Amino acid sequence: MPELPEVETVCRGLNHLTFGQTILAGEVLLPRTLAYPASSREFLDSVKNATFDKWQRRGKYLLVPLLKDKGWLGVHLRMTGQLLWVQQDQPLSPHTRLRLFCGDNQELRFVDIRTFGKVWWVPPNQPPQTIITGLQKLGPEPFSPDFSLDYFIQKLKGRRRNIKTILLDQTVVAGMGNIYADEALFKSGILPTTLGKQLTPQQIETLRVAMIEVLKKAIEAGGTTFSDFRDVTGINGNYGGIAWVYGRYKQPCRICGTPIERIKLGGRSSHFCPRCQQGI
């Protein structure tokens, strides 16, 4: 699933390519891609002649105000969703779910192999969270002042869940996912099986800083592509080539040479170095 760096990469690409573009028409190829409204005709009528303002990212959601009092668009890529800015005559992937036609023969195309991605239209004069209810549950952004040491200590205080699972909880911090949780725990020297309540304030601060550093590094690399992620122009992310542990099972640790191990936690694979991450 695309995580914060991948979604941020898409957001920046959209702002570069679609800002000021007007939606002239559209086509819904898979109606269940629309989370709101359910009617394809109502959706297309609502966004017709709307102009893209500046895209924003909140957690793993993409949001854009539509100028001319047209409300908002919201997108969640989920596991395999891609937003691509292409020429209208570019061959159509069989996994294309939504097309928004703009000027100069350009279009914004939503492609989604596994069909879990969702698109919302939010009516004018309504905040996005009234329609996109998942926004109501999100914790602070990792780069926000709200993600402070005091906040993180309070969120981990007395927690009997393992720290890897806690980091994947979007109500704790928005945007973190499997890849970058593993990377941040490695940089912190903390085993993913460590319980939240076992971490000291110093370890919590080390982890908080590592999370921010890893996410920034991944954004600089354009995110990670292991299977489906592409940026707005169809280019792969490059972080996978410099990852410390994620996706490197049985390969030597980049620090000590010990083979990277992998376990399942909460149904997700967790990669770690048993020597560099000694735990408590």
Protein backbone atom coordinates (compact mmCIF):
# COMPACT_ATOMS: atom_id res chain seq x y z
CA MET A 1 0.00 0.00 0.00
CA PRO A 2 1.35 3.47 -0.80
CA GLU A 3 2.47 5.16 2.41
CA LEU A 4 3.15 8.78 3.30
CA PRO A 5 6.22 9.26 1.03
CA GLU A 6 4.48 7.72 -1.98
CA VAL A 7 1.32 9.78 -1.46
CA GLU A 8 3.39 12.93 -0.91
CA THR A 9 5.27 12.20 -4.14
CA VAL A 10 1.97 11.92 -6.02
CA CYS A 11 0.69 15.09 -4.34
CA ARG A 12 3.70 17.12 -5.47
CA GLY A 13 3.45 15.75 -8.98
CA LEU A 14 -0.23 16.63 -9.17
CA ASN A 15 0.47 20.17 -8.06
CA HIS A 16 3.13 20.53 -10.73
CA LEU A 17 0.96 19.15 -13.53
CA THR A 18 -2.71 19.73 -12.73
CA PHE A 19 -2.86 23.05 -10.86
CA GLY A 20 -5.19 25.37 -12.77
CA GLN A 21 -6.42 22.62 -15.10
CA THR A 22 -10.17 22.46 -15.69
CA ILE A 23 -12.17 19.23 -15.83
CA LEU A 24 -14.09 19.36 -19.11
CA ALA A 25 -15.70 15.93 -18.86
CA GLY A 26 -15.07 12.49 -17.45
CA GLU A 27 -15.77 8.78 -17.61
CA VAL A 28 -16.40 6.34 -14.76
CA LEU A 29 -15.37 2.84 -15.80
CA LEU A 30 -15.89 1.19 -12.40
CA PRO A 31 -18.75 2.83 -10.47
CA ARG A 32 -17.77 1.28 -7.11
CA THR A 33 -14.56 3.30 -7.21
CA LEU A 34 -16.78 6.23 -6.21
CA ALA A 35 -17.25 6.38 -2.46
CA TYR A 36 -19.42 9.51 -2.76
CA PRO A 37 -21.65 10.14 -4.53
CA ALA A 38 -22.53 6.61 -5.62
CA SER A 39 -24.07 7.86 -8.87
CA SER A 40 -21.54 8.17 -11.70
CA ARG A 41 -23.72 10.79 -13.41
CA GLU A 42 -24.00 12.89 -10.26
CA PHE A 43 -20.24 12.69 -9.74
CA LEU A 44 -19.41 13.73 -13.30
CA ASP A 45 -21.98 16.53 -13.31
CA SER A 46 -20.58 17.81 -10.00
CA VAL A 47 -16.95 18.03 -11.15
CA LYS A 48 -17.59 19.24 -14.71
CA ASN A 49 -16.02 22.66 -15.36
CA ALA A 50 -14.26 22.58 -11.96
CA THR A 51 -10.66 23.77 -11.83
CA PHE A 52 -7.99 22.06 -9.73
CA ASP A 53 -6.57 24.17 -6.93
CA LYS A 54 -3.55 22.98 -4.92
CA TRP A 55 -3.55 19.32 -3.87
CA GLN A 56 -2.97 18.46 -0.22
CA ARG A 57 -1.99 15.28 1.61
CA ARG A 58 -3.51 14.21 4.93
CA GLY A 59 -2.10 10.90 6.09
CA LYS A 60 -2.52 8.66 3.04
CA TYR A 61 -5.40 10.70 1.61
CA LEU A 62 -5.12 13.13 -1.31
CA LEU A 63 -7.40 16.17 -1.28
CA VAL A 64 -7.88 19.04 -3.70
CA PRO A 65 -10.23 22.03 -3.52
CA LEU A 66 -12.11 22.59 -6.76
CA LEU A 67 -12.29 26.24 -7.78
CA LYS A 68 -15.48 27.92 -9.00
CA ASP A 69 -17.25 26.76 -5.82
CA LYS A 70 -17.21 23.14 -6.90
CA GLY A 71 -16.32 21.51 -3.58
CA TRP A 72 -13.43 19.06 -3.15
CA LEU A 73 -12.08 15.83 -4.60
CA GLY A 74 -10.61 13.21 -2.30
CA VAL A 75 -8.65 10.08 -3.24
CA HIS A 76 -7.28 7.13 -1.30
CA LEU A 77 -5.00 4.92 -3.39
CA ARG A 78 -5.27 1.93 -1.01
CA MET A 79 -3.18 -1.02 -2.17
CA THR A 80 -2.63 -0.53 -5.90
CA GLY A 81 -4.18 2.78 -6.89
CA GLN A 82 -2.33 5.13 -9.27
CA LEU A 83 -3.17 8.66 -10.37
CA LEU A 84 -1.59 9.27 -13.77
CA TRP A 85 -1.46 12.47 -15.83
CA VAL A 86 -1.41 11.29 -19.43
CA GLN A 87 -2.38 12.14 -22.99
CA GLN A 88 -5.95 11.09 -23.74
CA ASP A 89 -4.79 8.99 -26.68
CA GLN A 90 -2.43 6.94 -24.52
CA PRO A 91 -3.50 3.25 -24.58
CA LEU A 92 -6.02 2.53 -21.87
CA SER A 93 -5.01 0.06 -19.17
CA PRO A 94 -7.70 -2.57 -18.47
CA HIS A 95 -7.42 -1.50 -14.83
CA THR A 96 -8.44 2.11 -15.50
CA ARG A 97 -11.34 3.02 -13.18
CA LEU A 98 -11.88 6.75 -13.70
CA ARG A 99 -10.90 9.36 -16.30
CA LEU A 100 -11.11 13.15 -15.91
CA PHE A 101 -10.58 14.95 -19.21
CA CYS A 102 -8.83 18.32 -19.21
CA GLY A 103 -7.53 20.70 -21.88
CA ASP A 104 -4.75 20.11 -24.42
CA ASN A 105 -5.74 16.45 -24.82
CA GLN A 106 -4.63 15.71 -21.21
CA GLU A 107 -6.41 13.64 -18.61
CA LEU A 108 -6.09 12.54 -14.99
CA ARG A 109 -6.50 8.77 -14.99
CA PHE A 110 -7.16 6.62 -11.90
CA VAL A 111 -5.78 3.11 -12.41
CA ASP A 112 -6.29 0.44 -9.75
CA ILE A 113 -5.56 -3.26 -10.24
CA ARG A 114 -7.16 -4.56 -7.04
CA THR A 115 -10.01 -2.02 -7.03
CA PHE A 116 -9.74 -1.07 -3.34
CA GLY A 117 -8.99 2.60 -4.09
CA LYS A 118 -11.71 5.20 -3.54
CA VAL A 119 -12.64 8.63 -4.90
CA TRP A 120 -14.94 11.16 -3.20
CA TRP A 121 -16.58 14.37 -4.29
CA VAL A 122 -17.30 16.68 -1.37
CA PRO A 123 -20.07 19.26 -1.97
CA PRO A 124 -19.29 22.98 -1.60
CA ASN A 125 -19.31 24.55 1.87
CA GLN A 126 -18.66 21.21 3.58
CA PRO A 127 -15.35 20.28 5.19
CA PRO A 128 -13.89 17.12 3.59
CA GLN A 129 -14.10 15.11 6.83
CA THR A 130 -17.90 15.27 6.78
CA ILE A 131 -17.90 13.07 3.67
CA ILE A 132 -14.50 11.37 3.93
CA THR A 133 -15.08 10.15 7.47
CA GLY A 134 -11.70 8.37 7.73
CA LEU A 135 -10.09 11.82 8.04
CA GLN A 136 -11.77 12.25 11.43
CA LYS A 137 -9.73 9.45 13.00
CA LEU A 138 -6.24 10.43 11.89
CA GLY A 139 -3.49 11.25 14.36
CA PRO A 140 -1.02 14.10 13.82
CA GLU A 141 1.24 14.30 10.80
CA PRO A 142 4.82 13.14 11.50
CA PHE A 143 6.17 16.54 10.39
CA SER A 144 3.68 18.47 12.49
CA PRO A 145 4.58 20.15 15.83
CA ASP A 146 1.67 18.14 17.25
CA PHE A 147 3.81 15.00 16.87
CA SER A 148 5.89 16.02 19.87
CA LEU A 149 7.87 13.94 22.33
CA ASP A 150 5.26 14.54 25.03
CA TYR A 151 2.47 13.43 22.70
CA PHE A 152 4.32 10.27 21.66
CA ILE A 153 5.19 9.34 25.26
CA GLN A 154 1.55 9.65 26.26
CA LYS A 155 0.42 7.52 23.31
CA LEU A 156 2.85 4.72 24.24
CA LYS A 157 2.34 4.91 27.99
CA GLY A 158 1.11 1.58 29.34
CA ARG A 159 0.57 0.14 25.84
CA ARG A 160 0.85 -3.66 25.74
CA ARG A 161 0.91 -3.83 21.94
CA ASN A 162 4.18 -4.24 20.09
CA ILE A 163 5.69 -1.01 18.81
CA LYS A 164 5.50 -2.09 15.15
CA THR A 165 1.73 -2.51 15.35
CA ILE A 166 1.37 0.80 17.20
CA LEU A 167 3.26 2.63 14.45
CA LEU A 168 0.80 1.28 11.86
CA ASP A 169 -2.15 2.70 13.84
CA GLN A 170 -3.23 5.78 11.88
CA THR A 171 -4.87 7.26 14.99
CA VAL A 172 -1.42 7.46 16.62
CA VAL A 173 0.43 9.06 13.72
CA ALA A 174 -0.91 9.60 10.20
CA GLY A 175 0.79 8.15 7.14
CA MET A 176 3.20 5.63 8.66
CA GLY A 177 3.06 2.17 7.10
CA ASN A 178 4.84 -1.14 7.00
CA ILE A 179 7.93 -0.12 5.04
CA TYR A 180 8.88 2.99 6.97
CA ALA A 181 7.95 1.59 10.37
CA ASP A 182 10.54 -1.16 9.81
CA GLU A 183 13.09 1.39 8.63
CA ALA A 184 12.54 3.73 11.58
CA LEU A 185 12.75 0.90 14.11
CA PHE A 186 16.05 -0.21 12.57
CA LYS A 187 17.50 3.29 12.79
CA SER A 188 16.34 3.43 16.41
CA GLY A 189 17.85 0.06 17.34
CA ILE A 190 14.46 -1.15 18.59
CA LEU A 191 13.04 -4.61 17.91
CA PRO A 192 9.56 -4.52 16.35
CA THR A 193 8.32 -6.92 19.06
CA THR A 194 9.11 -4.45 21.86
CA LEU A 195 5.98 -3.41 23.75
CA GLY A 196 5.09 0.26 23.73
CA LYS A 197 5.17 0.43 27.53
CA GLN A 198 8.75 -0.90 27.60
CA LEU A 199 10.25 2.05 25.75
CA THR A 200 12.04 4.76 27.71
CA PRO A 201 11.51 8.47 26.96
CA GLN A 202 14.97 8.54 25.36
CA GLN A 203 14.13 5.61 23.09
CA ILE A 204 10.79 7.19 22.20
CA GLU A 205 12.52 10.41 21.17
CA THR A 206 15.10 8.46 19.14
CA LEU A 207 12.27 6.65 17.38
CA ARG A 208 10.32 9.87 16.76
CA VAL A 209 13.35 11.51 15.14
CA ALA A 210 14.10 8.37 13.10
CA MET A 211 10.53 8.28 11.77
CA ILE A 212 10.81 11.85 10.53
CA GLU A 213 14.26 11.28 9.01
CA VAL A 214 13.23 8.08 7.22
CA LEU A 215 10.09 9.66 5.78
CA LYS A 216 11.99 12.70 4.53
CA LYS A 217 14.64 10.48 2.92
CA ALA A 218 11.95 8.40 1.22
CA ILE A 219 10.21 11.51 -0.12
CA GLU A 220 13.54 12.66 -1.58
CA ALA A 221 13.80 9.26 -3.30
CA GLY A 222 10.28 9.52 -4.74
CA GLY A 223 8.92 6.75 -2.51
CA THR A 224 9.28 2.99 -2.83
CA THR A 225 8.21 0.73 -5.70
CA PHE A 226 8.12 -2.98 -4.92
CA SER A 227 5.17 -3.79 -7.17
CA ASP A 228 2.54 -1.24 -8.18
CA PHE A 229 3.48 2.26 -7.03
CA ARG A 230 4.15 4.87 -9.72
CA ASP A 231 4.30 8.64 -9.57
CA VAL A 232 1.96 10.85 -11.63
CA THR A 233 4.06 10.38 -14.77
CA GLY A 234 4.43 6.61 -14.29
CA ILE A 235 7.95 6.62 -12.80
CA ASN A 236 8.99 4.14 -10.09
CA GLY A 237 10.10 5.24 -6.62
CA ASN A 238 13.76 4.69 -5.71
CA TYR A 239 13.80 4.23 -1.94
CA GLY A 240 13.76 0.41 -2.18
CA GLY A 241 17.36 0.45 -3.40
CA ILE A 242 18.60 2.14 -0.22
CA ALA A 243 16.30 0.53 2.35
CA TRP A 244 18.01 -0.62 5.52
CA VAL A 245 15.88 -3.70 6.24
CA TYR A 246 12.54 -3.70 4.45
CA GLY A 247 12.44 -6.20 1.58
CA ARG A 248 15.95 -7.42 2.43
CA TYR A 249 15.15 -10.77 4.11
CA LYS A 250 18.29 -12.94 4.46
CA GLN A 251 20.45 -10.22 2.93
CA PRO A 252 23.34 -8.87 5.04
CA CYS A 253 22.64 -5.90 7.30
CA ARG A 254 24.17 -2.76 5.81
CA ILE A 255 25.76 -2.00 9.20
CA CYS A 256 26.92 -5.28 10.74
CA GLY A 257 26.50 -7.91 8.01
CA THR A 258 24.08 -10.09 10.00
CA PRO A 259 21.32 -11.58 7.79
CA ILE A 260 18.07 -9.61 8.01
CA GLU A 261 15.26 -11.56 9.64
CA ARG A 262 11.52 -11.41 8.97
CA ILE A 263 8.56 -12.23 11.21
CA LYS A 264 4.81 -11.70 11.09
CA LEU A 265 3.26 -9.14 13.44
CA GLY A 266 -0.42 -8.34 13.19
CA GLY A 267 -0.56 -10.06 9.83
CA ARG A 268 2.20 -7.88 8.37
CA SER A 269 5.81 -8.80 7.60
CA SER A 270 8.38 -7.11 9.84
CA HIS A 271 12.04 -6.95 8.83
CA PHE A 272 14.82 -6.33 11.34
CA CYS A 273 18.47 -6.96 12.17
CA PRO A 274 18.76 -9.18 15.26
CA ARG A 275 22.15 -7.68 16.10
CA CYS A 276 21.59 -3.96 15.52
CA GLN A 277 18.10 -4.05 17.07
CA GLN A 278 18.71 -5.52 20.49
CA GLY A 279 15.47 -4.33 22.03
CA ILE A 280 15.12 -3.76 25.76
